[in-house]
C-alpha atoms as a PDB file:
ATOM      1  CA  MET A   1     -65.844  25.134   7.427  1.00  0.00           C
ATOM      2  CA  GLN A   2     -66.448  25.361  11.145  1.00  0.00           C
ATOM      3  CA  THR A   3     -65.688  22.497  13.512  1.00  0.00           C
ATOM      4  CA  ARG A   4     -66.027  21.767  17.222  1.00  0.00           C
ATOM      5  CA  THR A   5     -63.998  19.312  19.250  1.00  0.00           C
ATOM      6  CA  TYR A   6     -64.970  15.797  20.238  1.00  0.00           C
ATOM      7  CA  GLY A   7     -64.208  16.757  23.831  1.00  0.00           C
ATOM      8  CA  ASP A   8     -66.817  19.534  23.688  1.00  0.00           C
ATOM      9  CA  LEU A   9     -69.345  17.092  22.223  1.00  0.00           C
ATOM     10  CA  PHE A  10     -68.724  14.511  24.912  1.00  0.00           C
ATOM     11  CA  LYS A  11     -68.950  17.104  27.698  1.00  0.00           C
ATOM     12  CA  LEU A  12     -72.261  18.399  26.314  1.00  0.00           C
ATOM     13  CA  ILE A  13     -73.714  14.882  26.323  1.00  0.00           C
ATOM     14  CA  GLN A  14     -72.564  14.476  29.933  1.00  0.00           C
ATOM     15  CA  SER A  15     -74.239  17.788  30.802  1.00  0.00           C
ATOM     16  CA  LEU A  16     -77.492  16.752  29.115  1.00  0.00           C
ATOM     17  CA  ALA A  17     -77.374  13.503  31.083  1.00  0.00           C
ATOM     18  CA  GLY A  18     -76.838  15.481  34.306  1.00  0.00           C
ATOM     19  CA  VAL A  19     -73.787  13.518  35.384  1.00  0.00           C
ATOM     20  CA  GLY A  20     -70.432  14.861  36.429  1.00  0.00           C
ATOM     21  CA  SER A  21     -68.692  12.076  34.530  1.00  0.00           C
ATOM     22  CA  PHE A  22     -69.757   8.867  32.830  1.00  0.00           C
ATOM     23  CA  ALA A  23     -68.493   5.584  34.214  1.00  0.00           C
ATOM     24  CA  PRO A  24     -65.758   4.036  31.997  1.00  0.00           C
ATOM     25  CA  SER A  25     -68.161   1.394  30.649  1.00  0.00           C
ATOM     26  CA  GLU A  26     -70.772   4.062  29.918  1.00  0.00           C
ATOM     27  CA  ALA A  27     -68.206   6.276  28.199  1.00  0.00           C
ATOM     28  CA  ASP A  28     -67.336   3.499  25.755  1.00  0.00           C
ATOM     29  CA  ASP A  29     -71.028   2.943  25.004  1.00  0.00           C
ATOM     30  CA  VAL A  30     -71.570   6.657  24.433  1.00  0.00           C
ATOM     31  CA  ALA A  31     -68.570   6.776  22.076  1.00  0.00           C
ATOM     32  CA  ASN A  32     -70.107   3.977  20.003  1.00  0.00           C
ATOM     33  CA  LEU A  33     -73.458   5.768  19.948  1.00  0.00           C
ATOM     34  CA  ILE A  34     -71.758   9.000  18.809  1.00  0.00           C
ATOM     35  CA  ASN A  35     -70.300   7.216  15.775  1.00  0.00           C
ATOM     36  CA  ARG A  36     -73.675   5.619  15.055  1.00  0.00           C
ATOM     37  CA  ARG A  37     -75.367   9.019  15.000  1.00  0.00           C
ATOM     38  CA  PHE A  38     -72.496  10.561  13.046  1.00  0.00           C
ATOM     39  CA  LEU A  39     -73.007   7.967  10.300  1.00  0.00           C
ATOM     40  CA  GLN A  40     -76.754   8.576  10.362  1.00  0.00           C
ATOM     41  CA  ALA A  41     -76.270  12.328   9.832  1.00  0.00           C
ATOM     42  CA  PHE A  42     -73.639  11.689   7.148  1.00  0.00           C
ATOM     43  CA  ASN A  43     -76.080   9.519   5.186  1.00  0.00           C
ATOM     44  CA  GLU A  44     -78.916  12.059   5.277  1.00  0.00           C
ATOM     45  CA  SER A  45     -77.663  13.936   2.202  1.00  0.00           C
ATOM     46  CA  PRO A  46     -75.478  13.027  -0.800  1.00  0.00           C
ATOM     47  CA  ILE A  47     -74.256  16.628  -1.087  1.00  0.00           C
ATOM     48  CA  TRP A  48     -73.077  17.763   2.333  1.00  0.00           C
ATOM     49  CA  PRO A  49     -70.677  20.577   1.314  1.00  0.00           C
ATOM     50  CA  ARG A  50     -67.948  19.218   3.595  1.00  0.00           C
ATOM     51  CA  TYR A  51     -67.943  15.820   1.907  1.00  0.00           C
ATOM     52  CA  PHE A  52     -69.102  16.542  -1.633  1.00  0.00           C
ATOM     53  CA  VAL A  53     -66.522  16.785  -4.441  1.00  0.00           C
ATOM     54  CA  PRO A  54     -67.855  18.217  -7.735  1.00  0.00           C
ATOM     55  CA  SER A  55     -66.487  17.159 -11.114  1.00  0.00           C
ATOM     56  CA  GLU A  56     -63.034  15.838 -10.165  1.00  0.00           C
ATOM     57  CA  LYS A  57     -60.862  14.305 -12.879  1.00  0.00           C
ATOM     58  CA  ARG A  58     -60.409  10.553 -12.425  1.00  0.00           C
ATOM     59  CA  ASP A  59     -58.674   7.836 -14.450  1.00  0.00           C
ATOM     60  CA  ILE A  60     -60.779   5.440 -16.498  1.00  0.00           C
ATOM     61  CA  LEU A  61     -59.436   1.895 -16.226  1.00  0.00           C
ATOM     62  CA  SER A  62     -59.856   0.234 -19.613  1.00  0.00           C
ATOM     63  CA  LEU A  63     -58.664  -3.346 -19.083  1.00  0.00           C
ATOM     64  CA  THR A  64     -58.603  -6.086 -16.482  1.00  0.00           C
ATOM     65  CA  LEU A  65     -56.059  -8.891 -16.928  1.00  0.00           C
ATOM     66  CA  SER A  66     -56.213 -12.147 -14.988  1.00  0.00           C
ATOM     67  CA  GLY A  67     -54.953 -15.715 -15.232  1.00  0.00           C
ATOM     68  CA  ALA A  68     -51.223 -15.155 -14.661  1.00  0.00           C
ATOM     69  CA  THR A  69     -49.632 -17.476 -12.107  1.00  0.00           C
ATOM     70  CA  ALA A  70     -46.176 -17.900 -10.600  1.00  0.00           C
ATOM     71  CA  SER A  71     -45.008 -19.422 -13.881  1.00  0.00           C
ATOM     72  CA  THR A  72     -45.181 -15.912 -15.394  1.00  0.00           C
ATOM     73  CA  SER A  73     -45.808 -12.956 -13.078  1.00  0.00           C
ATOM     74  CA  THR A  74     -48.829 -12.392 -10.877  1.00  0.00           C
ATOM     75  CA  THR A  75     -48.351  -8.598 -11.114  1.00  0.00           C
ATOM     76  CA  VAL A  76     -49.958  -8.937 -14.548  1.00  0.00           C
ATOM     77  CA  ASN A  77     -53.271  -9.593 -12.766  1.00  0.00           C
ATOM     78  CA  GLN A  78     -54.619  -6.066 -12.298  1.00  0.00           C
ATOM     79  CA  ASN A  79     -56.547  -3.196 -13.865  1.00  0.00           C
ATOM     80  CA  TYR A  80     -54.965  -1.027 -16.583  1.00  0.00           C
ATOM     81  CA  LYS A  81     -55.461   2.557 -17.669  1.00  0.00           C
ATOM     82  CA  LEU A  82     -55.100   3.751 -21.249  1.00  0.00           C
ATOM     83  CA  LEU A  83     -52.076   6.004 -21.738  1.00  0.00           C
ATOM     84  CA  GLY A  84     -52.523   6.781 -25.434  1.00  0.00           C
ATOM     85  CA  ALA A  85     -51.340   5.658 -28.861  1.00  0.00           C
ATOM     86  CA  ASN A  86     -48.105   3.772 -29.426  1.00  0.00           C
ATOM     87  CA  THR A  87     -45.452   5.693 -31.373  1.00  0.00           C
ATOM     88  CA  THR A  88     -44.902   2.419 -33.235  1.00  0.00           C
ATOM     89  CA  GLY A  89     -48.045   1.380 -35.075  1.00  0.00           C
ATOM     90  CA  GLY A  90     -50.467   3.770 -33.363  1.00  0.00           C
ATOM     91  CA  LEU A  91     -52.329   1.144 -31.323  1.00  0.00           C
ATOM     92  CA  ASN A  92     -53.114   1.680 -27.654  1.00  0.00           C
ATOM     93  CA  VAL A  93     -50.626   1.508 -24.790  1.00  0.00           C
ATOM     94  CA  TYR A  94     -51.908   0.497 -21.337  1.00  0.00           C
ATOM     95  CA  GLN A  95     -50.231   0.848 -17.937  1.00  0.00           C
ATOM     96  CA  GLY A  96     -50.942  -1.108 -14.769  1.00  0.00           C
ATOM     97  CA  ALA A  97     -52.974   0.850 -12.232  1.00  0.00           C
ATOM     98  CA  THR A  98     -51.418  -0.913  -9.228  1.00  0.00           C
ATOM     99  CA  THR A  99     -48.002  -2.002 -10.541  1.00  0.00           C
ATOM    100  CA  THR A 100     -47.168   0.737 -13.023  1.00  0.00           C
ATOM    101  CA  THR A 101     -44.160  -1.098 -14.488  1.00  0.00           C
ATOM    102  CA  VAL A 102     -46.458  -3.597 -16.227  1.00  0.00           C
ATOM    103  CA  ILE A 103     -47.149  -2.340 -19.744  1.00  0.00           C
ATOM    104  CA  VAL A 104     -49.538  -3.747 -22.366  1.00  0.00           C
ATOM    105  CA  TYR A 105     -48.768  -2.672 -25.932  1.00  0.00           C
ATOM    106  CA  ASN A 106     -48.551  -3.776 -29.547  1.00  0.00           C
ATOM    107  CA  THR A 107     -45.076  -4.273 -30.996  1.00  0.00           C
ATOM    108  CA  GLY A 108     -46.362  -3.628 -34.498  1.00  0.00           C
ATOM    109  CA  THR A 109     -46.834  -7.344 -35.101  1.00  0.00           C
ATOM    110  CA  ALA A 110     -48.510  -8.632 -31.913  1.00  0.00           C
ATOM    111  CA  TRP A 111     -49.928  -7.619 -28.545  1.00  0.00           C
ATOM    112  CA  ARG A 112     -47.523  -8.101 -25.678  1.00  0.00           C
ATOM    113  CA  VAL A 113     -47.541  -7.845 -21.873  1.00  0.00           C
ATOM    114  CA  ASP A 114     -44.237  -6.847 -20.247  1.00  0.00           C
ATOM    115  CA  THR A 115     -43.138  -6.449 -16.638  1.00  0.00           C
ATOM    116  CA  ALA A 116     -40.281  -4.131 -15.593  1.00  0.00           C
ATOM    117  CA  ALA A 117     -41.230  -1.929 -18.556  1.00  0.00           C
ATOM    118  CA  SER A 118     -41.944   1.780 -18.997  1.00  0.00           C
ATOM    119  CA  ALA A 119     -43.779   4.065 -21.397  1.00  0.00           C
ATOM    120  CA  THR A 120     -42.523   7.567 -22.209  1.00  0.00           C
ATOM    121  CA  GLU A 121     -44.726  10.276 -23.689  1.00  0.00           C
ATOM    122  CA  GLN A 122     -43.364  11.978 -26.802  1.00  0.00           C
ATOM    123  CA  ALA A 123     -43.850  15.539 -28.045  1.00  0.00           C
ATOM    124  CA  ASP A 124     -46.671  14.454 -30.363  1.00  0.00           C
ATOM    125  CA  GLY A 125     -48.587  12.823 -27.482  1.00  0.00           C
ATOM    126  CA  THR A 126     -47.781   9.237 -28.441  1.00  0.00           C
ATOM    127  CA  PHE A 127     -45.957   6.805 -26.138  1.00  0.00           C
ATOM    128  CA  THR A 128     -42.725   4.916 -26.702  1.00  0.00           C
ATOM    129  CA  VAL A 129     -42.447   1.663 -24.762  1.00  0.00           C
ATOM    130  CA  SER A 130     -39.162   0.508 -23.303  1.00  0.00           C
ATOM    131  CA  GLY A 131     -39.734  -3.216 -23.118  1.00  0.00           C
ATOM    132  CA  GLY A 132     -38.943  -5.202 -20.014  1.00  0.00           C
ATOM    133  CA  THR A 133     -39.545  -8.917 -19.519  1.00  0.00           C
ATOM    134  CA  GLN A 134     -42.137 -10.400 -21.856  1.00  0.00           C
ATOM    135  CA  GLN A 135     -44.796 -12.327 -19.930  1.00  0.00           C
ATOM    136  CA  PHE A 136     -47.401 -12.895 -22.663  1.00  0.00           C
ATOM    137  CA  ILE A 137     -47.576 -12.365 -26.419  1.00  0.00           C
ATOM    138  CA  GLU A 138     -50.441 -12.660 -28.887  1.00  0.00           C
ATOM    139  CA  ALA A 139     -50.602 -16.067 -30.552  1.00  0.00           C
ATOM    140  CA  ASP A 140     -53.503 -15.510 -32.983  1.00  0.00           C
ATOM    141  CA  THR A 141     -52.683 -16.228 -36.614  1.00  0.00           C
ATOM    142  CA  ILE A 142     -54.737 -13.252 -37.740  1.00  0.00           C
ATOM    143  CA  LYS A 143     -53.529 -10.384 -35.548  1.00  0.00           C
ATOM    144  CA  LYS A 144     -56.052  -8.080 -33.901  1.00  0.00           C
ATOM    145  CA  ASP A 145     -56.089  -4.287 -33.623  1.00  0.00           C
ATOM    146  CA  ASN A 146     -57.986  -4.444 -30.320  1.00  0.00           C
ATOM    147  CA  ILE A 147     -56.460  -6.466 -27.487  1.00  0.00           C
ATOM    148  CA  THR A 148     -59.883  -7.539 -26.229  1.00  0.00           C
ATOM    149  CA  ASP A 149     -60.403  -9.366 -29.541  1.00  0.00           C
ATOM    150  CA  VAL A 150     -57.300 -11.561 -29.082  1.00  0.00           C
ATOM    151  CA  SER A 151     -58.209 -15.213 -28.543  1.00  0.00           C
ATOM    152  CA  THR A 152     -54.921 -16.709 -27.351  1.00  0.00           C
ATOM    153  CA  PHE A 153     -51.801 -15.454 -25.588  1.00  0.00           C
ATOM    154  CA  THR A 154     -48.595 -17.483 -25.276  1.00  0.00           C
ATOM    155  CA  PRO A 155     -47.106 -17.280 -21.752  1.00  0.00           C
ATOM    156  CA  ARG A 156     -43.395 -16.877 -21.094  1.00  0.00           C
ATOM    157  CA  ALA A 157     -43.471 -20.127 -19.121  1.00  0.00           C
ATOM    158  CA  GLY A 158     -45.989 -22.756 -18.062  1.00  0.00           C
ATOM    159  CA  THR A 159     -49.531 -23.036 -19.366  1.00  0.00           C
ATOM    160  CA  ASP A 160     -51.107 -19.819 -18.084  1.00  0.00           C
ATOM    161  CA  SER A 161     -54.247 -18.745 -19.905  1.00  0.00           C
ATOM    162  CA  LEU A 162     -54.439 -14.941 -19.934  1.00  0.00           C
ATOM    163  CA  LEU A 163     -57.929 -13.430 -19.751  1.00  0.00           C
ATOM    164  CA  VAL A 164     -58.364  -9.864 -21.025  1.00  0.00           C
ATOM    165  CA  GLU A 165     -61.598  -8.056 -20.150  1.00  0.00           C
ATOM    166  CA  GLY A 166     -62.520  -4.633 -21.486  1.00  0.00           C
ATOM    167  CA  LYS A 167     -63.872  -2.108 -18.996  1.00  0.00           C
ATOM    168  CA  ASN A 168     -64.701   1.547 -18.528  1.00  0.00           C
ATOM    169  CA  LEU A 169     -64.157   1.538 -14.781  1.00  0.00           C
ATOM    170  CA  ILE A 170     -63.582   4.357 -12.320  1.00  0.00           C
ATOM    171  CA  PRO A 171     -62.448   2.741  -9.057  1.00  0.00           C
ATOM    172  CA  TYR A 172     -63.271   4.019  -5.593  1.00  0.00           C
ATOM    173  CA  ALA A 173     -59.626   4.706  -4.767  1.00  0.00           C
ATOM    174  CA  GLN A 174     -57.016   6.583  -6.794  1.00  0.00           C
ATOM    175  CA  THR A 175     -53.587   7.629  -5.579  1.00  0.00           C
ATOM    176  CA  GLY A 176     -53.477  11.259  -4.510  1.00  0.00           C
ATOM    177  CA  LYS A 177     -57.256  11.664  -4.318  1.00  0.00           C
ATOM    178  CA  ALA A 178     -59.917  11.111  -1.672  1.00  0.00           C
ATOM    179  CA  THR A 179     -61.605   7.707  -1.651  1.00  0.00           C
ATOM    180  CA  VAL A 180     -65.074   7.732  -3.172  1.00  0.00           C
ATOM    181  CA  GLY A 181     -67.826   6.805  -0.736  1.00  0.00           C
ATOM    182  CA  SER A 182     -70.664   7.057  -3.246  1.00  0.00           C
ATOM    183  CA  PHE A 183     -70.790   8.150  -6.873  1.00  0.00           C
ATOM    184  CA  ASN A 184     -73.151  10.992  -7.727  1.00  0.00           C
ATOM    185  CA  ARG A 185     -72.677  11.957 -11.405  1.00  0.00           C
ATOM    186  CA  ILE A 186     -70.023  11.348 -14.091  1.00  0.00           C
ATOM    187  CA  PHE A 187     -69.204  13.680 -16.989  1.00  0.00           C
ATOM    188  CA  ARG A 188     -66.942  13.469 -20.019  1.00  0.00           C
ATOM    189  CA  LYS A 189     -65.496  16.951 -19.441  1.00  0.00           C
ATOM    190  CA  GLN A 190     -65.345  19.262 -16.436  1.00  0.00           C
ATOM    191  CA  ALA A 191     -68.870  20.228 -15.414  1.00  0.00           C
ATOM    192  CA  PHE A 192     -70.364  23.088 -13.379  1.00  0.00           C
ATOM    193  CA  LEU A 193     -67.820  25.539 -14.763  1.00  0.00           C
ATOM    194  CA  ASN A 194     -68.522  27.457 -17.971  1.00  0.00           C
ATOM    195  CA  SER A 195     -70.461  25.233 -20.356  1.00  0.00           C
ATOM    196  CA  SER A 196     -72.450  22.045 -20.678  1.00  0.00           C
ATOM    197  CA  ALA A 197     -70.739  18.689 -20.400  1.00  0.00           C
ATOM    198  CA  HIS A 198     -71.867  15.308 -21.686  1.00  0.00           C
ATOM    199  CA  GLU A 199     -73.079  13.186 -18.772  1.00  0.00           C
ATOM    200  CA  TYR A 200     -72.588   9.423 -18.630  1.00  0.00           C
ATOM    201  CA  GLU A 201     -74.931   6.732 -17.409  1.00  0.00           C
ATOM    202  CA  PHE A 202     -73.185   4.256 -15.121  1.00  0.00           C
ATOM    203  CA  PHE A 203     -73.711   1.374 -12.743  1.00  0.00           C
ATOM    204  CA  VAL A 204     -71.828   0.674  -9.538  1.00  0.00           C
ATOM    205  CA  ASP A 205     -70.358  -2.605  -8.332  1.00  0.00           C
ATOM    206  CA  PHE A 206     -67.828  -3.480  -5.641  1.00  0.00           C
ATOM    207  CA  THR A 207     -64.924  -2.341  -7.862  1.00  0.00           C
ATOM    208  CA  GLY A 208     -66.295   1.127  -8.662  1.00  0.00           C
ATOM    209  CA  ALA A 209     -68.421   2.925 -11.263  1.00  0.00           C
ATOM    210  CA  ASN A 210     -68.737   1.309 -14.685  1.00  0.00           C
ATOM    211  CA  ILE A 211     -69.426   3.884 -17.399  1.00  0.00           C
ATOM    212  CA  LEU A 212     -71.854   3.010 -20.176  1.00  0.00           C
ATOM    213  CA  ASN A 213     -71.198   4.055 -23.765  1.00  0.00           C
ATOM    214  CA  VAL A 214     -68.000   6.089 -23.479  1.00  0.00           C
ATOM    215  CA  VAL A 215     -68.039   8.738 -26.224  1.00  0.00           C
ATOM    216  CA  SER A 216     -64.529   7.941 -27.470  1.00  0.00           C
ATOM    217  CA  THR A 217     -62.438   4.817 -26.967  1.00  0.00           C
ATOM    218  CA  THR A 218     -59.407   7.094 -26.624  1.00  0.00           C
ATOM    219  CA  ASP A 219     -60.804   8.816 -23.518  1.00  0.00           C
ATOM    220  CA  ASN A 220     -58.724   7.845 -20.491  1.00  0.00           C
ATOM    221  CA  ALA A 221     -60.335  10.092 -17.861  1.00  0.00           C
ATOM    222  CA  ALA A 222     -63.735  11.363 -16.758  1.00  0.00           C
ATOM    223  CA  PHE A 223     -64.951  13.957 -14.283  1.00  0.00           C
ATOM    224  CA  VAL A 224     -66.689  12.520 -11.249  1.00  0.00           C
ATOM    225  CA  SER A 225     -68.948  14.181  -8.708  1.00  0.00           C
ATOM    226  CA  TYR A 226     -68.958  12.100  -5.558  1.00  0.00           C
ATOM    227  CA  LYS A 227     -69.367  11.981  -1.812  1.00  0.00           C
ATOM    228  CA  LYS A 228     -66.270  11.142   0.200  1.00  0.00           C
ATOM    229  CA  GLU A 229     -65.939   7.963   2.205  1.00  0.00           C
ATOM    230  CA  PHE A 230     -67.276   8.008   5.759  1.00  0.00           C
ATOM    231  CA  THR A 231     -64.619   8.010   8.475  1.00  0.00           C
ATOM    232  CA  PRO A 232     -65.816   7.490  12.076  1.00  0.00           C
ATOM    233  CA  PHE A 233     -64.374   9.428  14.990  1.00  0.00           C
ATOM    234  CA  THR A 234     -61.301   7.768  16.470  1.00  0.00           C
ATOM    235  CA  VAL A 235     -60.293   8.743  20.002  1.00  0.00           C
ATOM    236  CA  THR A 236     -57.023   7.450  21.441  1.00  0.00           C
ATOM    237  CA  GLY A 237     -57.409   5.979  24.908  1.00  0.00           C
ATOM    238  CA  THR A 238     -60.236   4.429  26.922  1.00  0.00           C
ATOM    239  CA  ALA A 239     -60.400   6.643  30.023  1.00  0.00           C
ATOM    240  CA  VAL A 240     -63.240   9.169  30.330  1.00  0.00           C
ATOM    241  CA  SER A 241     -60.646  11.965  30.337  1.00  0.00           C
ATOM    242  CA  ASP A 242     -59.437  10.766  26.905  1.00  0.00           C
ATOM    243  CA  PHE A 243     -62.904  11.395  25.495  1.00  0.00           C
ATOM    244  CA  THR A 244     -63.542  14.725  27.237  1.00  0.00           C
ATOM    245  CA  GLY A 245     -60.067  15.997  26.350  1.00  0.00           C
ATOM    246  CA  SER A 246     -60.060  14.860  22.712  1.00  0.00           C
ATOM    247  CA  THR A 247     -59.343  17.482  20.038  1.00  0.00           C
ATOM    248  CA  VAL A 248     -60.679  15.331  17.189  1.00  0.00           C
ATOM    249  CA  GLU A 249     -62.684  17.624  14.917  1.00  0.00           C
ATOM    250  CA  VAL A 250     -66.484  17.315  14.809  1.00  0.00           C
ATOM    251  CA  PRO A 251     -68.357  18.983  11.913  1.00  0.00           C
ATOM    252  CA  ALA A 252     -70.224  21.956  13.381  1.00  0.00           C
ATOM    253  CA  GLU A 253     -73.267  21.200  11.230  1.00  0.00           C
ATOM    254  CA  PHE A 254     -73.652  17.799  12.943  1.00  0.00           C
ATOM    255  CA  PHE A 255     -72.743  18.887  16.483  1.00  0.00           C
ATOM    256  CA  ALA A 256     -76.202  19.591  17.920  1.00  0.00           C
ATOM    257  CA  TYR A 257     -77.795  16.597  16.215  1.00  0.00           C
ATOM    258  CA  ILE A 258     -75.165  14.131  17.436  1.00  0.00           C
ATOM    259  CA  ALA A 259     -75.305  15.504  20.997  1.00  0.00           C
ATOM    260  CA  HIS A 260     -79.086  15.335  21.388  1.00  0.00           C
ATOM    261  CA  ALA A 261     -79.499  12.078  19.423  1.00  0.00           C
ATOM    262  CA  THR A 262     -76.781  10.352  21.456  1.00  0.00           C
ATOM    263  CA  TYR A 263     -78.386  11.588  24.652  1.00  0.00           C
ATOM    264  CA  ALA A 264     -81.687  10.138  23.412  1.00  0.00           C
ATOM    265  CA  ASP A 265     -79.953   6.783  22.919  1.00  0.00           C
ATOM    266  CA  PHE A 266     -78.480   7.051  26.431  1.00  0.00           C
ATOM    267  CA  LEU A 267     -81.963   7.636  27.853  1.00  0.00           C
ATOM    268  CA  ARG A 268     -83.248   4.526  26.077  1.00  0.00           C
ATOM    269  CA  MET A 269     -80.391   2.555  27.589  1.00  0.00           C
ATOM    270  CA  ASP A 270     -81.609   3.786  30.981  1.00  0.00           C
ATOM    271  CA  GLY A 271     -85.237   2.840  30.215  1.00  0.00           C
ATOM    272  CA  GLN A 272     -86.438   6.464  29.980  1.00  0.00           C
ATOM    273  CA  THR A 273     -88.260   6.062  26.675  1.00  0.00           C
ATOM    274  CA  ASP A 274     -90.602   9.065  27.016  1.00  0.00           C
ATOM    275  CA  LYS A 275     -87.724  11.465  27.634  1.00  0.00           C
ATOM    276  CA  ALA A 276     -85.809   9.777  24.801  1.00  0.00           C
ATOM    277  CA  PHE A 277     -88.666  10.449  22.398  1.00  0.00           C
ATOM    278  CA  ALA A 278     -88.670  14.164  23.247  1.00  0.00           C
ATOM    279  CA  GLU A 279     -84.883  14.387  22.888  1.00  0.00           C
ATOM    280  CA  GLU A 280     -85.068  12.576  19.539  1.00  0.00           C
ATOM    281  CA  ASN A 281     -87.419  15.285  18.277  1.00  0.00           C
ATOM    282  CA  THR A 282     -84.940  17.976  19.346  1.00  0.00           C
ATOM    283  CA  ALA A 283     -82.166  16.167  17.472  1.00  0.00           C
ATOM    284  CA  SER A 284     -84.286  15.738  14.342  1.00  0.00           C
ATOM    285  CA  GLY A 285     -85.114  19.441  14.358  1.00  0.00           C
ATOM    286  CA  ALA A 286     -81.425  20.381  14.534  1.00  0.00           C
ATOM    287  CA  LEU A 287     -80.583  18.117  11.605  1.00  0.00           C
ATOM    288  CA  ALA A 288     -83.552  19.348   9.559  1.00  0.00           C
ATOM    289  CA  LEU A 289     -82.257  22.928   9.836  1.00  0.00           C
ATOM    290  CA  GLU A 290     -78.866  21.873   8.485  1.00  0.00           C
ATOM    291  CA  LEU A 291     -80.452  19.914   5.633  1.00  0.00           C
ATOM    292  CA  GLU A 292     -82.503  22.985   4.694  1.00  0.00           C
ATOM    293  CA  LYS A 293     -79.267  24.984   4.440  1.00  0.00           C
ATOM    294  CA  VAL A 294     -77.844  22.372   2.082  1.00  0.00           C
ATOM    295  CA  ASP A 295     -80.921  22.580  -0.149  1.00  0.00           C
ATOM    296  CA  ILE A 296     -80.720  26.360  -0.322  1.00  0.00           C
ATOM    297  CA  ILE A 297     -76.948  26.696  -0.797  1.00  0.00           C
ATOM    298  CA  SER A 298     -76.269  23.727  -3.083  1.00  0.00           C
ATOM    299  CA  ASN A 299     -79.357  24.202  -5.305  1.00  0.00           C
ATOM    300  CA  ASN A 300     -80.531  20.670  -5.957  1.00  0.00           C
ATOM    301  CA  ASN A 301     -81.319  21.247  -9.641  1.00  0.00           C
ATOM    302  CA  THR A 302     -77.621  21.638 -10.522  1.00  0.00           C
ATOM    303  CA  VAL A 303     -75.119  19.395  -8.756  1.00  0.00           C
ATOM    304  CA  ASN A 304     -77.545  16.717  -7.627  1.00  0.00           C
ATOM    305  CA  LYS A 305     -80.073  16.484 -10.469  1.00  0.00           C
ATOM    306  CA  ARG A 306     -79.919  16.268 -14.236  1.00  0.00           C
ATOM    307  CA  PHE A 307     -81.356  18.602 -16.810  1.00  0.00           C
ATOM    308  CA  SER A 308     -83.041  16.433 -19.429  1.00  0.00           C
ATOM    309  CA  THR A 309     -83.560  17.264 -23.088  1.00  0.00           C
ATOM    310  CA  TYR A 310     -84.812  15.121 -25.951  1.00  0.00           C
ATOM    311  CA  VAL A 311     -81.176  14.768 -27.117  1.00  0.00           C
ATOM    312  CA  ASN A 312     -79.314  13.919 -23.930  1.00  0.00           C
ATOM    313  CA  ARG A 313     -78.782  14.868 -20.315  1.00  0.00           C
ATOM    314  CA  GLN A 314     -76.285  17.583 -19.547  1.00  0.00           C
ATOM    315  CA  SER A 315     -75.186  19.843 -16.741  1.00  0.00           C
ATOM    316  CA  ARG A 316     -76.332  23.399 -17.244  1.00  0.00           C
END
């Protein structure tokens, strides 16, 4: 997609203001106003093509463990993703999302949490766990098939009380992928490709998107449509020449809006409210044209809206 440079944007604002060069204090103010208007344009649509990612595969985190202290190992306190079935016994194997050497598994007789461990996938798709240092082990007299049903865990040392919470969480950040700014839609399988895909309901909290009613408890991934995280312009240096000479990329679709809207803000700073109002209208018109392009190209009844039937909601 096309881009312009930050230097070009800054020079245009100077030209609109009719000054050869902003004073250093003014330049810093204008830079702050540029980022303000950039964020405003960014928030105008959830499906700007530059920032929208359709149906990307993401890990589902199935467990959250907490309660471990220095008497055991605090690396136990984290989210866990489901790897698959254990070669021994067939029950689930979970791996730490942050510290991947923490493994939660069932030995065949009890649930156990190990650090410095690993899980290796076998030809049949099951996982063999190479145990490390045991930190917790199930203490229930009647053993449970599901770790979230376990009442008591015995710690390796001390009196730690391990808390295990079941989740179906897709976090904002995942290694190797862009950080999610806002969640749009979540599907069980890849959507917008060849066929319909089951779509999940979800709610969002500060940890990420929590899926409701996962079709299968063995699912360890979902396909997420989302808008990337906003990143403001960062220009190195404080001199006016640093701003006018910057090669930081500015999205071409926002260029005219940011220039005229920032100039409108500059006029307000100078007390020229009537001129600012007229310039604001010019900026709004430029942004409206770009939003119209998004509506036409992206087709709002596919990526951004659901097709409802009496059975369920699916992508079509």
